[in-house]
Amino acid sequence: MQKSTKTFVYGILLGVLGIVLFSSKAVMVKLAYRYQVDAISILLLRMVFSFPFYVVIAFLYRNKKNEETVTNKDYLWVVAFGLVGYYLASYFDFVGLTYIKASLERIILFIYPTVVLLLNKIFLKKPISNVQTGAILLTYLGIIIAFGTEVSISGNDTYLGGFFIILSAITYASYLVGSGWLIPKFGVVKFTSYAMIISCFSVFIHYGLTYKGDIFTLPWQVYLLGFLIAIFATVIPSYLVSASIKMINSSNFAVIAGFGPISTIVLAAIFLNEKLTLLQILGALVVIIGILIVSLKSNKSK
C-alpha cells in the first residue's frame, strides 16, 4: 500500500473513531440523567475532568510561535468565543437532553453547518448558491419530519428540548464563524486549548452561582460517566478529528461526518433502548443528505 493511500485510510479510520466518540456524549449524558443528576452538575464533571488535559496542552504549546501577530484584542475574542462555543453550546445541549432522546438530539444538532452558511450570509455577506439553499431547505424538512413525530410520542416537552438543542447548534455555529479568523493566528491546538479553558472557568462560575446541592454526594456511576464524557467524548475525539481533517482534508471529512447521527442512533438503541419510528429514520436520512450537500458544496467553493 502506497504511503499516500495508507495515510488516507488512516485518516478515515481516525475520523470515524472521532465521530463515534463524539456521538457517544449524548448517550452517556442520558445514562447519567438516570441517577437524578441535573445538567449543570454533569457539565461540571465533564469540565473538571477535561480541564487538566487542556491546561497541560496549553502549557506545552505556550512557546510555539503564533502563525500571525496576536494582539490583546485577539485574546479578548478568544474569551468571547470560549464562552459562546464551548460553554453556552454545551450547556444548551445538556439541558436539551433532559427533554429529548439522544438520537433526536444528534439529528437536530447536526444542522449547525447550515447555520454557519446563514450566519456567513448575514454577517460576512458570503453568497449562498441555489444548490446550498435547496440543501438547507431539505435539511430543515428532515428535522420537521423527525421532530414532529416525536412530539406525538413524548409530548410537548419535546418542543422545549428541541429549542435548547437548536440554541446549541446556533451558538456552536457562531463560534465556528467567529473563530475562523483567530485559528490561523493561534494555531488549532492553542486556540482550542485556550477556548476550552475559558469554557471550563465559565462552567465553574455558573455552578458556583446557581447550584445549591453537593457535588461530592453523587452516585459513583455519575462520576464515572463524567470522566468518560470528558476523556472519550471531548478531549480524545477533538484531536482525532483534527488529525483526520489534516490527513484527508475537510471535504472528505464532510462525507464521513454523516456517520455521526447514525452512530448516535445505534448507540442509543443499544445502551438506552431508544427506538426511532420509520418516519424519524427517514427524517434523519434527509437531514444527513442535506448536510452532506451543504458541506461538500462549501468545500468545493473554497
Protein backbone atom coordinates (compact mmCIF):
# COMPACT_ATOMS: atom_id res chain seq x y z
CA MET A 1 0.00 0.00 0.00
CA GLN A 2 1.45 3.37 -1.03
CA LYS A 3 2.18 5.95 1.66
CA SER A 4 -0.47 8.40 0.42
CA THR A 5 -3.12 5.68 0.28
CA LYS A 6 -2.15 4.42 3.73
CA THR A 7 -2.35 7.96 5.13
CA PHE A 8 -5.80 8.41 3.57
CA VAL A 9 -7.06 5.13 5.07
CA TYR A 10 -5.66 6.02 8.49
CA GLY A 11 -7.26 9.45 8.21
CA ILE A 12 -10.67 7.91 7.51
CA LEU A 13 -10.30 5.48 10.43
CA LEU A 14 -9.28 8.28 12.81
CA GLY A 15 -12.18 10.41 11.59
CA VAL A 16 -14.76 7.65 12.04
CA LEU A 17 -13.42 6.86 15.52
CA GLY A 18 -13.53 10.54 16.48
CA ILE A 19 -17.10 10.90 15.20
CA VAL A 20 -18.28 7.80 17.08
CA LEU A 21 -16.67 9.03 20.30
CA PHE A 22 -18.21 12.49 19.89
CA SER A 23 -21.58 10.85 19.24
CA SER A 24 -21.32 8.82 22.44
CA LYS A 25 -21.55 12.01 24.54
CA ALA A 26 -25.32 12.33 24.27
CA VAL A 27 -25.79 8.66 25.19
CA MET A 28 -23.58 8.94 28.28
CA VAL A 29 -25.33 12.15 29.37
CA LYS A 30 -28.69 10.40 29.13
CA LEU A 31 -27.28 7.50 31.18
CA ALA A 32 -26.15 9.98 33.85
CA TYR A 33 -29.63 11.52 33.99
CA ARG A 34 -30.97 8.17 35.18
CA TYR A 35 -29.28 8.92 38.52
CA GLN A 36 -31.30 12.12 39.04
CA VAL A 37 -28.36 14.43 38.27
CA ASP A 38 -29.04 17.80 36.63
CA ALA A 39 -27.48 19.32 33.51
CA ILE A 40 -25.06 21.73 35.22
CA SER A 41 -23.69 19.01 37.51
CA ILE A 42 -22.82 16.60 34.71
CA LEU A 43 -21.45 19.50 32.65
CA LEU A 44 -19.30 20.50 35.64
CA LEU A 45 -17.89 16.97 35.90
CA ARG A 46 -17.13 16.99 32.19
CA MET A 47 -15.16 20.22 32.56
CA VAL A 48 -13.43 19.24 35.82
CA PHE A 49 -12.05 16.06 34.30
CA SER A 50 -11.07 17.60 30.93
CA PHE A 51 -9.64 20.83 32.39
CA PRO A 52 -6.19 19.40 33.39
CA PHE A 53 -5.63 17.99 29.91
CA TYR A 54 -6.25 21.33 28.19
CA VAL A 55 -4.10 23.17 30.74
CA VAL A 56 -1.20 20.77 30.12
CA ILE A 57 -1.60 21.03 26.35
CA ALA A 58 -1.75 24.83 26.53
CA PHE A 59 1.39 24.81 28.70
CA LEU A 60 3.29 22.53 26.30
CA TYR A 61 2.39 24.76 23.34
CA ARG A 62 2.96 28.06 25.17
CA ASN A 63 6.26 28.76 23.39
CA LYS A 64 5.09 27.65 19.97
CA LYS A 65 5.33 30.64 17.70
CA ASN A 66 2.00 32.02 16.52
CA GLU A 67 1.43 31.95 12.80
CA GLU A 68 0.45 35.64 12.77
CA THR A 69 0.79 38.60 15.11
CA VAL A 70 -1.59 38.29 18.07
CA THR A 71 -2.94 41.40 19.81
CA ASN A 72 -4.61 41.86 23.19
CA LYS A 73 -7.91 42.27 21.34
CA ASP A 74 -7.44 38.80 19.86
CA TYR A 75 -7.21 37.33 23.36
CA LEU A 76 -10.47 39.06 24.26
CA TRP A 77 -12.10 37.42 21.25
CA VAL A 78 -10.79 34.04 22.42
CA VAL A 79 -12.57 34.65 25.73
CA ALA A 80 -15.78 35.58 23.89
CA PHE A 81 -15.73 32.54 21.62
CA GLY A 82 -14.79 30.26 24.52
CA LEU A 83 -17.95 31.49 26.25
CA VAL A 84 -20.14 31.06 23.19
CA GLY A 85 -18.75 27.94 21.57
CA TYR A 86 -17.90 25.60 24.41
CA TYR A 87 -19.79 26.96 27.43
CA LEU A 88 -23.16 28.09 26.08
CA ALA A 89 -23.33 25.48 23.30
CA SER A 90 -22.55 22.69 25.77
CA TYR A 91 -24.94 23.99 28.40
CA PHE A 92 -27.84 24.31 25.96
CA ASP A 93 -27.08 20.83 24.64
CA PHE A 94 -27.04 19.24 28.11
CA VAL A 95 -30.28 20.98 29.10
CA GLY A 96 -31.95 19.91 25.86
CA LEU A 97 -31.00 16.30 26.54
CA THR A 98 -33.12 16.34 29.70
CA TYR A 99 -36.19 16.54 27.45
CA ILE A 100 -35.48 14.61 24.25
CA LYS A 101 -33.88 11.39 23.03
CA ALA A 102 -30.12 11.24 22.42
CA SER A 103 -30.72 10.13 18.82
CA LEU A 104 -33.04 13.06 18.12
CA GLU A 105 -30.56 15.46 19.76
CA ARG A 106 -27.82 14.44 17.33
CA ILE A 107 -30.12 14.82 14.33
CA ILE A 108 -31.09 18.37 15.34
CA LEU A 109 -27.57 19.37 16.39
CA PHE A 110 -26.27 18.19 13.02
CA ILE A 111 -27.85 21.25 11.34
CA TYR A 112 -25.03 23.54 12.51
CA PRO A 113 -23.31 23.64 9.06
CA THR A 114 -26.46 25.20 7.61
CA VAL A 115 -26.46 27.79 10.41
CA VAL A 116 -22.81 28.56 9.56
CA LEU A 117 -23.86 29.28 5.98
CA LEU A 118 -26.71 31.55 7.10
CA LEU A 119 -24.51 33.47 9.56
CA ASN A 120 -21.83 33.91 6.89
CA LYS A 121 -24.51 35.29 4.60
CA ILE A 122 -25.91 37.70 7.22
CA PHE A 123 -22.71 38.99 8.82
CA LEU A 124 -19.95 38.35 6.27
CA LYS A 125 -22.04 38.81 3.11
CA LYS A 126 -20.91 35.48 1.69
CA PRO A 127 -23.27 34.26 -1.05
CA ILE A 128 -25.31 31.07 -0.78
CA SER A 129 -25.72 29.12 -4.01
CA ASN A 130 -29.03 27.73 -5.23
CA VAL A 131 -27.81 24.20 -4.51
CA GLN A 132 -26.93 25.17 -0.93
CA THR A 133 -30.30 26.87 -0.47
CA GLY A 134 -32.05 23.71 -1.63
CA ALA A 135 -29.89 21.61 0.69
CA ILE A 136 -30.72 23.87 3.66
CA LEU A 137 -34.44 23.56 2.97
CA LEU A 138 -34.04 19.79 2.61
CA THR A 139 -32.24 19.62 5.94
CA TYR A 140 -34.94 21.53 7.80
CA LEU A 141 -37.61 19.39 6.15
CA GLY A 142 -35.86 16.37 7.62
CA ILE A 143 -35.85 17.99 11.07
CA ILE A 144 -39.60 18.67 10.82
CA ILE A 145 -40.25 15.05 9.83
CA ALA A 146 -38.15 13.59 12.67
CA PHE A 147 -39.18 16.16 15.28
CA GLY A 148 -42.89 16.33 14.53
CA THR A 149 -43.34 12.61 15.01
CA GLU A 150 -41.60 12.69 18.39
CA VAL A 151 -43.97 15.34 19.76
CA SER A 152 -46.91 12.97 19.29
CA ILE A 153 -44.94 10.26 21.13
CA SER A 154 -43.25 12.13 24.00
CA GLY A 155 -45.43 15.20 24.45
CA ASN A 156 -44.87 18.96 24.40
CA ASP A 157 -41.62 18.80 26.41
CA THR A 158 -40.08 17.75 23.12
CA TYR A 159 -40.55 21.32 21.87
CA LEU A 160 -38.56 22.68 24.82
CA GLY A 161 -35.78 20.13 24.33
CA GLY A 162 -35.63 20.85 20.61
CA PHE A 163 -35.47 24.59 21.31
CA PHE A 164 -32.40 24.16 23.54
CA ILE A 165 -30.67 21.89 21.01
CA ILE A 166 -31.30 24.44 18.26
CA LEU A 167 -29.79 27.13 20.54
CA SER A 168 -26.78 24.82 20.96
CA ALA A 169 -26.42 24.47 17.19
CA ILE A 170 -26.68 28.26 16.71
CA THR A 171 -24.12 29.10 19.41
CA TYR A 172 -21.70 26.44 18.14
CA ALA A 173 -22.10 27.70 14.57
CA SER A 174 -21.45 31.25 15.81
CA TYR A 175 -18.23 30.01 17.39
CA LEU A 176 -17.15 28.41 14.11
CA VAL A 177 -17.90 31.55 12.10
CA GLY A 178 -16.31 33.96 14.53
CA SER A 179 -13.26 31.89 15.37
CA GLY A 180 -12.33 31.20 11.76
CA TRP A 181 -10.07 34.25 11.57
CA LEU A 182 -8.50 33.57 15.00
CA ILE A 183 -7.41 29.97 14.46
CA PRO A 184 -4.77 30.90 11.83
CA LYS A 185 -3.28 33.33 14.35
CA PHE A 186 -3.00 30.96 17.31
CA GLY A 187 -2.98 27.58 15.59
CA VAL A 188 -5.64 24.90 16.10
CA VAL A 189 -4.18 23.32 19.24
CA LYS A 190 -3.51 26.55 21.14
CA PHE A 191 -6.80 28.15 20.20
CA THR A 192 -8.83 25.06 21.12
CA SER A 193 -7.00 24.69 24.43
CA TYR A 194 -7.46 28.37 25.34
CA ALA A 195 -11.15 28.33 24.40
CA MET A 196 -11.75 25.15 26.41
CA ILE A 197 -10.02 26.61 29.48
CA ILE A 198 -12.29 29.68 29.26
CA SER A 199 -15.29 27.39 28.92
CA CYS A 200 -14.23 25.38 31.98
CA PHE A 201 -13.95 28.52 34.13
CA SER A 202 -17.36 29.67 32.86
CA VAL A 203 -18.95 26.39 33.94
CA PHE A 204 -17.19 26.57 37.31
CA ILE A 205 -18.59 30.08 37.89
CA HIS A 206 -22.07 29.09 36.66
CA TYR A 207 -22.10 26.12 39.03
CA GLY A 208 -20.87 28.18 41.98
CA LEU A 209 -23.52 30.85 41.47
CA THR A 210 -26.54 28.65 40.80
CA TYR A 211 -26.16 25.17 42.28
CA LYS A 212 -27.38 24.55 45.84
CA GLY A 213 -26.59 20.84 46.15
CA ASP A 214 -23.41 18.90 46.95
CA ILE A 215 -21.28 17.73 44.04
CA PHE A 216 -19.47 15.26 46.33
CA THR A 217 -22.52 13.14 47.20
CA LEU A 218 -23.50 11.94 43.72
CA PRO A 219 -23.62 8.22 42.86
CA TRP A 220 -20.24 6.81 41.77
CA GLN A 221 -21.72 5.98 38.36
CA VAL A 222 -22.22 9.71 37.68
CA TYR A 223 -18.54 10.46 38.39
CA LEU A 224 -17.51 7.60 36.10
CA LEU A 225 -19.77 8.85 33.32
CA GLY A 226 -18.49 12.41 33.81
CA PHE A 227 -14.93 11.14 33.43
CA LEU A 228 -15.80 9.11 30.32
CA ILE A 229 -17.59 12.09 28.74
CA ALA A 230 -14.58 14.33 29.43
CA ILE A 231 -11.91 11.98 28.10
CA PHE A 232 -13.59 9.83 25.47
CA ALA A 233 -16.29 12.21 24.21
CA THR A 234 -14.40 15.52 24.49
CA VAL A 235 -10.59 15.53 24.68
CA ILE A 236 -9.65 12.50 22.57
CA PRO A 237 -12.13 13.00 19.68
CA SER A 238 -11.28 16.72 19.39
CA TYR A 239 -7.72 15.79 18.41
CA LEU A 240 -8.71 12.70 16.39
CA VAL A 241 -10.97 14.84 14.20
CA SER A 242 -8.25 17.48 13.74
CA ALA A 243 -5.77 14.78 12.71
CA SER A 244 -8.28 13.24 10.33
CA ILE A 245 -9.02 16.54 8.60
CA LYS A 246 -5.28 17.13 8.21
CA MET A 247 -4.84 13.69 6.58
CA ILE A 248 -7.87 13.54 4.27
CA ASN A 249 -8.93 17.26 4.02
CA SER A 250 -12.19 18.81 5.17
CA SER A 251 -14.11 17.88 2.01
CA ASN A 252 -13.59 14.16 2.52
CA PHE A 253 -14.20 14.51 6.24
CA ALA A 254 -17.58 16.10 5.47
CA VAL A 255 -18.62 12.81 3.86
CA ILE A 256 -17.76 10.62 6.85
CA ALA A 257 -19.19 13.22 9.27
CA GLY A 258 -22.63 11.99 8.19
CA PHE A 259 -21.82 8.89 10.22
CA GLY A 260 -22.38 10.94 13.41
CA PRO A 261 -26.19 10.83 13.67
CA ILE A 262 -26.20 7.21 12.53
CA SER A 263 -23.73 6.15 15.22
CA THR A 264 -25.74 8.02 17.88
CA ILE A 265 -28.93 6.26 16.80
CA VAL A 266 -27.17 2.88 17.01
CA LEU A 267 -25.55 3.61 20.40
CA ALA A 268 -28.82 4.98 21.80
CA ALA A 269 -30.64 1.83 20.68
CA ILE A 270 -28.02 -0.38 22.36
CA PHE A 271 -27.47 1.46 25.65
CA LEU A 272 -30.69 3.44 26.13
CA ASN A 273 -33.17 1.19 24.34
CA GLU A 274 -34.27 4.19 22.27
CA LYS A 275 -36.21 3.45 19.14
CA LEU A 276 -36.99 5.72 16.21
CA THR A 277 -40.03 5.31 14.03
CA LEU A 278 -39.56 4.66 10.33
CA LEU A 279 -40.65 8.24 9.66
CA GLN A 280 -37.99 9.55 12.07
CA ILE A 281 -35.32 7.43 10.39
CA LEU A 282 -36.45 8.88 7.06
CA GLY A 283 -36.14 12.39 8.55
CA ALA A 284 -32.63 11.58 9.80
CA LEU A 285 -31.56 10.39 6.34
CA VAL A 286 -32.98 13.57 4.77
CA VAL A 287 -31.01 15.69 7.26
CA ILE A 288 -27.79 13.78 6.58
CA ILE A 289 -28.18 14.11 2.81
CA GLY A 290 -28.86 17.85 3.12
CA ILE A 291 -25.82 18.42 5.34
CA LEU A 292 -23.56 16.41 3.04
CA ILE A 293 -24.64 18.55 0.08
CA VAL A 294 -24.06 21.75 2.08
CA SER A 295 -20.64 20.63 3.33
CA LEU A 296 -19.36 19.32 0.02
CA LYS A 297 -20.57 22.37 -1.89
CA SER A 298 -18.98 24.68 0.70
CA ASN A 299 -15.63 22.89 0.49
CA LYS A 300 -15.62 22.92 -3.34
CA SER A 301 -16.19 26.67 -3.35
CA LYS A 302 -13.15 27.39 -1.16
